[in-house]
Amino acid sequence: MAEKHPAKAKIKVIDGPDQGNEYEVMFNPTEYSITATSKTGESGARQQFNEAEIADFSVSLLFDSYEQGTDVREKTEPIAGLLLPRKPGREIAQPQTCLFIWGGFTYKGKLTKVTQKFTMFLSTGIPVRATLDITLTAAMTPTEYSDLNGREQCRKFWIVKAGDRLDLIAYKALNDKNLWRIIAKENKIDNPFDFPGEKDFGRQIVIPDIHR
């Protein structure tokens, strides 16, 4: 039985002058990192978690062309070139949007930093081994961002005002008006169809974590 080789990681351009181009790594990375920033806010005397902002994805890639005796920059420069926001003749300068794909993992972002480090050379001075450190900054649609940043997985609070209804609150806070029942249950609202009453105006209610 033939040995199954692991899938190679690759970078695919999905928006920009090089759209459709794919760049396969020579060796799969041993690790990568994703930086997230937590945002909190105050609600009365309580501090609440609002969201986690997905920021940067960083990975270090190794390229080696020693056995072939070729210039390793032929492999690294096309990737490093994605950092440039435009090509000759392009009217509007826009960073290219890329997908880093490895197995079932994908990260969509714009290449914002590239560091090439050359560590082996032929006698002629041609580099044949390089480490390419790249950083992608998240580039997502509002829906993709909402799915990743934790907004729909955070405990929230709502200040009741005139005109509010539980189904409208559920739609605005959880994107689903049919979830009004769990809001009513969480806040022990016994008569949801009479809500809000005059005594409810200004009340702080809890929007439960629907993914918990």
C-alpha atoms as a PDB file:
ATOM      1  CA  MET A   1       0.000   0.000   0.000  1.00  0.00           C
ATOM      2  CA  ALA A   2       1.413   3.375  -0.990  1.00  0.00           C
ATOM      3  CA  GLU A   3       2.373   5.726   1.808  1.00  0.00           C
ATOM      4  CA  LYS A   4      -0.026   8.640   2.148  1.00  0.00           C
ATOM      5  CA  HIS A   5       1.787  11.965   2.226  1.00  0.00           C
ATOM      6  CA  PRO A   6       0.371  14.792   4.360  1.00  0.00           C
ATOM      7  CA  ALA A   7      -1.397  17.561   2.495  1.00  0.00           C
ATOM      8  CA  LYS A   8       0.787  20.576   1.844  1.00  0.00           C
ATOM      9  CA  ALA A   9      -0.248  23.950   3.216  1.00  0.00           C
ATOM     10  CA  LYS A  10      -0.845  26.605   0.583  1.00  0.00           C
ATOM     11  CA  ILE A  11      -1.680  30.243   0.142  1.00  0.00           C
ATOM     12  CA  LYS A  12      -4.452  31.068  -2.322  1.00  0.00           C
ATOM     13  CA  VAL A  13      -5.246  34.573  -3.574  1.00  0.00           C
ATOM     14  CA  ILE A  14      -9.018  35.084  -3.600  1.00  0.00           C
ATOM     15  CA  ASP A  15      -9.184  38.816  -4.328  1.00  0.00           C
ATOM     16  CA  GLY A  16      -6.669  41.044  -6.058  1.00  0.00           C
ATOM     17  CA  PRO A  17      -4.466  41.185  -9.173  1.00  0.00           C
ATOM     18  CA  ASP A  18      -3.214  37.620  -8.558  1.00  0.00           C
ATOM     19  CA  GLN A  19      -6.665  36.186  -7.869  1.00  0.00           C
ATOM     20  CA  GLY A  20      -6.729  32.430  -8.401  1.00  0.00           C
ATOM     21  CA  ASN A  21      -2.989  31.943  -7.934  1.00  0.00           C
ATOM     22  CA  GLU A  22      -1.920  29.312  -5.406  1.00  0.00           C
ATOM     23  CA  TYR A  23       1.454  29.005  -3.704  1.00  0.00           C
ATOM     24  CA  GLU A  24       2.234  25.666  -2.068  1.00  0.00           C
ATOM     25  CA  VAL A  25       4.728  25.564   0.780  1.00  0.00           C
ATOM     26  CA  MET A  26       7.744  23.255   0.493  1.00  0.00           C
ATOM     27  CA  PHE A  27       7.523  22.010   4.084  1.00  0.00           C
ATOM     28  CA  ASN A  28       4.485  22.131   6.346  1.00  0.00           C
ATOM     29  CA  PRO A  29       4.881  24.467   9.329  1.00  0.00           C
ATOM     30  CA  THR A  30       5.444  23.091  12.807  1.00  0.00           C
ATOM     31  CA  GLU A  31       3.223  25.748  14.368  1.00  0.00           C
ATOM     32  CA  TYR A  32       1.230  28.887  13.712  1.00  0.00           C
ATOM     33  CA  SER A  33      -0.336  31.521  15.927  1.00  0.00           C
ATOM     34  CA  ILE A  34      -3.545  33.569  15.929  1.00  0.00           C
ATOM     35  CA  THR A  35      -3.699  36.750  17.976  1.00  0.00           C
ATOM     36  CA  ALA A  36      -7.031  37.734  19.526  1.00  0.00           C
ATOM     37  CA  THR A  37      -7.881  40.802  21.599  1.00  0.00           C
ATOM     38  CA  SER A  38     -10.541  40.723  24.299  1.00  0.00           C
ATOM     39  CA  LYS A  39     -12.860  43.702  24.647  1.00  0.00           C
ATOM     40  CA  THR A  40     -14.823  44.354  27.818  1.00  0.00           C
ATOM     41  CA  GLY A  41     -17.298  46.965  28.941  1.00  0.00           C
ATOM     42  CA  GLU A  42     -18.935  48.148  32.117  1.00  0.00           C
ATOM     43  CA  SER A  43     -22.563  47.479  32.999  1.00  0.00           C
ATOM     44  CA  GLY A  44     -23.300  49.153  36.296  1.00  0.00           C
ATOM     45  CA  ALA A  45     -20.888  47.722  38.825  1.00  0.00           C
ATOM     46  CA  ARG A  46     -20.229  44.659  36.691  1.00  0.00           C
ATOM     47  CA  GLN A  47     -17.670  44.218  33.970  1.00  0.00           C
ATOM     48  CA  GLN A  48     -18.939  42.208  31.044  1.00  0.00           C
ATOM     49  CA  PHE A  49     -17.205  40.524  28.127  1.00  0.00           C
ATOM     50  CA  ASN A  50     -18.263  42.073  24.834  1.00  0.00           C
ATOM     51  CA  GLU A  51     -16.284  40.350  22.102  1.00  0.00           C
ATOM     52  CA  ALA A  52     -12.975  38.892  21.020  1.00  0.00           C
ATOM     53  CA  GLU A  53     -11.413  40.618  18.030  1.00  0.00           C
ATOM     54  CA  ILE A  54      -9.568  38.236  15.732  1.00  0.00           C
ATOM     55  CA  ALA A  55      -6.486  40.130  14.638  1.00  0.00           C
ATOM     56  CA  ASP A  56      -3.394  38.513  13.132  1.00  0.00           C
ATOM     57  CA  PHE A  57      -2.381  35.087  11.895  1.00  0.00           C
ATOM     58  CA  SER A  58       1.363  34.369  11.843  1.00  0.00           C
ATOM     59  CA  VAL A  59       3.278  31.402  10.503  1.00  0.00           C
ATOM     60  CA  SER A  60       6.895  30.563   9.681  1.00  0.00           C
ATOM     61  CA  LEU A  61       7.561  28.648   6.443  1.00  0.00           C
ATOM     62  CA  LEU A  62      10.767  26.875   5.405  1.00  0.00           C
ATOM     63  CA  PHE A  63      12.000  26.743   1.815  1.00  0.00           C
ATOM     64  CA  ASP A  64      15.040  24.745   0.687  1.00  0.00           C
ATOM     65  CA  SER A  65      16.343  24.376  -2.881  1.00  0.00           C
ATOM     66  CA  TYR A  66      19.847  23.127  -2.059  1.00  0.00           C
ATOM     67  CA  GLU A  67      19.399  19.734  -3.736  1.00  0.00           C
ATOM     68  CA  GLN A  68      18.116  21.379  -6.917  1.00  0.00           C
ATOM     69  CA  GLY A  69      20.888  23.984  -6.806  1.00  0.00           C
ATOM     70  CA  THR A  70      18.424  26.731  -7.687  1.00  0.00           C
ATOM     71  CA  ASP A  71      17.786  30.140  -6.188  1.00  0.00           C
ATOM     72  CA  VAL A  72      15.314  29.709  -3.304  1.00  0.00           C
ATOM     73  CA  ARG A  73      13.991  33.216  -3.969  1.00  0.00           C
ATOM     74  CA  GLU A  74      12.141  31.755  -6.948  1.00  0.00           C
ATOM     75  CA  LYS A  75       9.885  30.133  -4.322  1.00  0.00           C
ATOM     76  CA  THR A  76       9.750  32.903  -1.744  1.00  0.00           C
ATOM     77  CA  GLU A  77       9.485  36.062  -3.842  1.00  0.00           C
ATOM     78  CA  PRO A  78       6.059  35.275  -5.378  1.00  0.00           C
ATOM     79  CA  ILE A  79       4.628  34.997  -1.861  1.00  0.00           C
ATOM     80  CA  ALA A  80       6.472  38.069  -0.597  1.00  0.00           C
ATOM     81  CA  GLY A  81       5.179  39.937  -3.637  1.00  0.00           C
ATOM     82  CA  LEU A  82       1.618  39.535  -2.408  1.00  0.00           C
ATOM     83  CA  LEU A  83       2.450  42.182   0.169  1.00  0.00           C
ATOM     84  CA  LEU A  84       2.514  44.816  -2.559  1.00  0.00           C
ATOM     85  CA  PRO A  85      -0.898  46.510  -2.852  1.00  0.00           C
ATOM     86  CA  ARG A  86      -0.807  47.056  -6.600  1.00  0.00           C
ATOM     87  CA  LYS A  87       0.741  46.074  -9.906  1.00  0.00           C
ATOM     88  CA  PRO A  88       1.614  48.369 -12.835  1.00  0.00           C
ATOM     89  CA  GLY A  89      -1.566  49.530 -14.528  1.00  0.00           C
ATOM     90  CA  ARG A  90      -3.840  48.910 -11.530  1.00  0.00           C
ATOM     91  CA  GLU A  91      -5.750  52.124 -10.867  1.00  0.00           C
ATOM     92  CA  ILE A  92      -6.685  51.614  -7.198  1.00  0.00           C
ATOM     93  CA  ALA A  93      -4.142  50.332  -4.696  1.00  0.00           C
ATOM     94  CA  GLN A  94      -5.750  47.523  -2.720  1.00  0.00           C
ATOM     95  CA  PRO A  95      -4.109  44.820  -0.616  1.00  0.00           C
ATOM     96  CA  GLN A  96      -4.732  41.316  -1.905  1.00  0.00           C
ATOM     97  CA  THR A  97      -6.926  38.987   0.128  1.00  0.00           C
ATOM     98  CA  CYS A  98      -5.507  35.514   0.688  1.00  0.00           C
ATOM     99  CA  LEU A  99      -6.531  32.200   2.184  1.00  0.00           C
ATOM    100  CA  PHE A 100      -4.028  30.177   4.168  1.00  0.00           C
ATOM    101  CA  ILE A 101      -5.185  26.574   3.781  1.00  0.00           C
ATOM    102  CA  TRP A 102      -3.851  23.571   5.630  1.00  0.00           C
ATOM    103  CA  GLY A 103      -5.996  20.489   5.920  1.00  0.00           C
ATOM    104  CA  GLY A 104      -9.345  21.578   7.349  1.00  0.00           C
ATOM    105  CA  PHE A 105      -7.974  24.891   8.633  1.00  0.00           C
ATOM    106  CA  THR A 106      -8.379  28.134   6.700  1.00  0.00           C
ATOM    107  CA  TYR A 107      -7.648  31.743   7.566  1.00  0.00           C
ATOM    108  CA  LYS A 108      -8.694  34.640   5.360  1.00  0.00           C
ATOM    109  CA  GLY A 109      -6.731  37.847   5.549  1.00  0.00           C
ATOM    110  CA  LYS A 110      -4.528  40.424   3.905  1.00  0.00           C
ATOM    111  CA  LEU A 111      -0.785  39.925   3.918  1.00  0.00           C
ATOM    112  CA  THR A 112       0.603  42.729   6.091  1.00  0.00           C
ATOM    113  CA  LYS A 113       4.114  41.580   6.975  1.00  0.00           C
ATOM    114  CA  VAL A 114       6.778  39.389   5.363  1.00  0.00           C
ATOM    115  CA  THR A 115      10.259  38.658   6.661  1.00  0.00           C
ATOM    116  CA  GLN A 116      12.671  36.623   4.515  1.00  0.00           C
ATOM    117  CA  LYS A 117      15.685  35.150   6.298  1.00  0.00           C
ATOM    118  CA  PHE A 118      18.286  33.403   4.144  1.00  0.00           C
ATOM    119  CA  THR A 119      20.416  30.842   5.990  1.00  0.00           C
ATOM    120  CA  MET A 120      22.277  28.784   3.344  1.00  0.00           C
ATOM    121  CA  PHE A 121      24.098  29.804   0.170  1.00  0.00           C
ATOM    122  CA  LEU A 122      25.932  28.243  -2.752  1.00  0.00           C
ATOM    123  CA  SER A 123      29.564  29.209  -3.334  1.00  0.00           C
ATOM    124  CA  THR A 124      28.274  31.710  -5.864  1.00  0.00           C
ATOM    125  CA  GLY A 125      26.301  33.504  -3.149  1.00  0.00           C
ATOM    126  CA  ILE A 126      22.922  32.298  -4.414  1.00  0.00           C
ATOM    127  CA  PRO A 127      20.593  31.602  -1.436  1.00  0.00           C
ATOM    128  CA  VAL A 128      19.217  28.057  -1.292  1.00  0.00           C
ATOM    129  CA  ARG A 129      17.506  27.997   2.113  1.00  0.00           C
ATOM    130  CA  ALA A 130      15.132  30.555   3.555  1.00  0.00           C
ATOM    131  CA  THR A 131      12.642  31.050   6.332  1.00  0.00           C
ATOM    132  CA  LEU A 132       9.607  33.087   5.364  1.00  0.00           C
ATOM    133  CA  ASP A 133       7.697  34.633   8.269  1.00  0.00           C
ATOM    134  CA  ILE A 134       4.321  35.952   7.162  1.00  0.00           C
ATOM    135  CA  THR A 135       1.500  37.734   8.933  1.00  0.00           C
ATOM    136  CA  LEU A 136      -2.090  37.966   7.713  1.00  0.00           C
ATOM    137  CA  THR A 137      -4.553  40.431   9.194  1.00  0.00           C
ATOM    138  CA  ALA A 138      -8.143  39.214   9.221  1.00  0.00           C
ATOM    139  CA  ALA A 139     -10.291  40.223   6.249  1.00  0.00           C
ATOM    140  CA  MET A 140     -13.797  38.916   6.786  1.00  0.00           C
ATOM    141  CA  THR A 141     -17.364  39.796   5.889  1.00  0.00           C
ATOM    142  CA  PRO A 142     -19.554  41.019   8.779  1.00  0.00           C
ATOM    143  CA  THR A 143     -21.133  37.553   9.004  1.00  0.00           C
ATOM    144  CA  GLU A 144     -17.778  35.761   9.042  1.00  0.00           C
ATOM    145  CA  TYR A 145     -16.450  38.214  11.598  1.00  0.00           C
ATOM    146  CA  SER A 146     -19.491  37.716  13.813  1.00  0.00           C
ATOM    147  CA  ASP A 147     -19.065  33.931  13.634  1.00  0.00           C
ATOM    148  CA  LEU A 148     -15.405  34.151  14.666  1.00  0.00           C
ATOM    149  CA  ASN A 149     -15.190  37.055  17.076  1.00  0.00           C
ATOM    150  CA  GLY A 150     -17.513  35.662  19.709  1.00  0.00           C
ATOM    151  CA  ARG A 151     -20.252  38.277  19.572  1.00  0.00           C
ATOM    152  CA  GLU A 152     -22.928  35.594  19.382  1.00  0.00           C
ATOM    153  CA  GLN A 153     -21.287  33.687  22.220  1.00  0.00           C
ATOM    154  CA  CYS A 154     -21.069  36.505  24.771  1.00  0.00           C
ATOM    155  CA  ARG A 155     -23.343  37.233  27.702  1.00  0.00           C
ATOM    156  CA  LYS A 156     -24.953  40.583  26.928  1.00  0.00           C
ATOM    157  CA  PHE A 157     -27.233  43.038  28.666  1.00  0.00           C
ATOM    158  CA  TRP A 158     -30.157  45.056  27.362  1.00  0.00           C
ATOM    159  CA  ILE A 159     -31.692  48.188  28.845  1.00  0.00           C
ATOM    160  CA  VAL A 160     -35.453  48.045  28.289  1.00  0.00           C
ATOM    161  CA  LYS A 161     -37.085  51.092  26.726  1.00  0.00           C
ATOM    162  CA  ALA A 162     -40.481  52.048  25.388  1.00  0.00           C
ATOM    163  CA  GLY A 163     -41.323  50.202  22.175  1.00  0.00           C
ATOM    164  CA  ASP A 164     -39.280  47.123  23.047  1.00  0.00           C
ATOM    165  CA  ARG A 165     -40.809  43.669  22.686  1.00  0.00           C
ATOM    166  CA  LEU A 166     -39.140  40.385  23.533  1.00  0.00           C
ATOM    167  CA  ASP A 167     -39.194  39.215  19.915  1.00  0.00           C
ATOM    168  CA  LEU A 168     -37.628  42.507  18.755  1.00  0.00           C
ATOM    169  CA  ILE A 169     -34.970  42.288  21.458  1.00  0.00           C
ATOM    170  CA  ALA A 170     -34.222  38.676  20.426  1.00  0.00           C
ATOM    171  CA  TYR A 171     -33.889  39.714  16.784  1.00  0.00           C
ATOM    172  CA  LYS A 172     -31.587  42.652  17.523  1.00  0.00           C
ATOM    173  CA  ALA A 173     -29.446  40.886  20.112  1.00  0.00           C
ATOM    174  CA  LEU A 174     -29.425  37.293  18.815  1.00  0.00           C
ATOM    175  CA  ASN A 175     -30.448  37.675  15.150  1.00  0.00           C
ATOM    176  CA  ASP A 176     -33.451  35.393  15.707  1.00  0.00           C
ATOM    177  CA  LYS A 177     -36.814  36.710  16.924  1.00  0.00           C
ATOM    178  CA  ASN A 178     -37.904  33.168  17.828  1.00  0.00           C
ATOM    179  CA  LEU A 179     -35.407  33.109  20.693  1.00  0.00           C
ATOM    180  CA  TRP A 180     -37.547  35.475  22.791  1.00  0.00           C
ATOM    181  CA  ARG A 181     -38.594  32.577  25.034  1.00  0.00           C
ATOM    182  CA  ILE A 182     -35.075  31.958  26.330  1.00  0.00           C
ATOM    183  CA  ILE A 183     -34.743  35.662  27.153  1.00  0.00           C
ATOM    184  CA  ALA A 184     -38.031  35.535  29.030  1.00  0.00           C
ATOM    185  CA  LYS A 185     -36.946  32.410  30.914  1.00  0.00           C
ATOM    186  CA  GLU A 186     -33.489  33.782  31.766  1.00  0.00           C
ATOM    187  CA  ASN A 187     -35.007  36.945  33.222  1.00  0.00           C
ATOM    188  CA  LYS A 188     -38.012  35.298  34.894  1.00  0.00           C
ATOM    189  CA  ILE A 189     -40.511  37.293  32.844  1.00  0.00           C
ATOM    190  CA  ASP A 190     -43.767  35.558  33.777  1.00  0.00           C
ATOM    191  CA  ASN A 191     -46.058  37.494  31.399  1.00  0.00           C
ATOM    192  CA  PRO A 192     -44.017  37.898  28.200  1.00  0.00           C
ATOM    193  CA  PHE A 193     -46.976  39.109  26.153  1.00  0.00           C
ATOM    194  CA  ASP A 194     -47.478  42.019  28.583  1.00  0.00           C
ATOM    195  CA  PHE A 195     -43.788  42.923  28.463  1.00  0.00           C
ATOM    196  CA  PRO A 196     -42.607  45.567  28.834  1.00  0.00           C
ATOM    197  CA  GLY A 197     -44.804  47.185  31.408  1.00  0.00           C
ATOM    198  CA  GLU A 198     -44.196  50.660  32.757  1.00  0.00           C
ATOM    199  CA  LYS A 199     -42.168  49.246  35.645  1.00  0.00           C
ATOM    200  CA  ASP A 200     -39.845  47.476  33.175  1.00  0.00           C
ATOM    201  CA  PHE A 201     -38.599  50.653  31.471  1.00  0.00           C
ATOM    202  CA  GLY A 202     -34.945  51.178  32.346  1.00  0.00           C
ATOM    203  CA  ARG A 203     -34.584  47.613  33.581  1.00  0.00           C
ATOM    204  CA  GLN A 204     -31.417  45.745  32.664  1.00  0.00           C
ATOM    205  CA  ILE A 205     -32.126  42.244  31.360  1.00  0.00           C
ATOM    206  CA  VAL A 206     -29.677  39.484  30.483  1.00  0.00           C
ATOM    207  CA  ILE A 207     -29.276  38.230  26.916  1.00  0.00           C
ATOM    208  CA  PRO A 208     -28.217  34.595  27.449  1.00  0.00           C
ATOM    209  CA  ASP A 209     -25.362  32.818  25.713  1.00  0.00           C
ATOM    210  CA  ILE A 210     -27.179  30.727  23.107  1.00  0.00           C
ATOM    211  CA  HIS A 211     -24.074  28.567  22.449  1.00  0.00           C
ATOM    212  CA  ARG A 212     -23.353  27.690  26.054  1.00  0.00           C
END
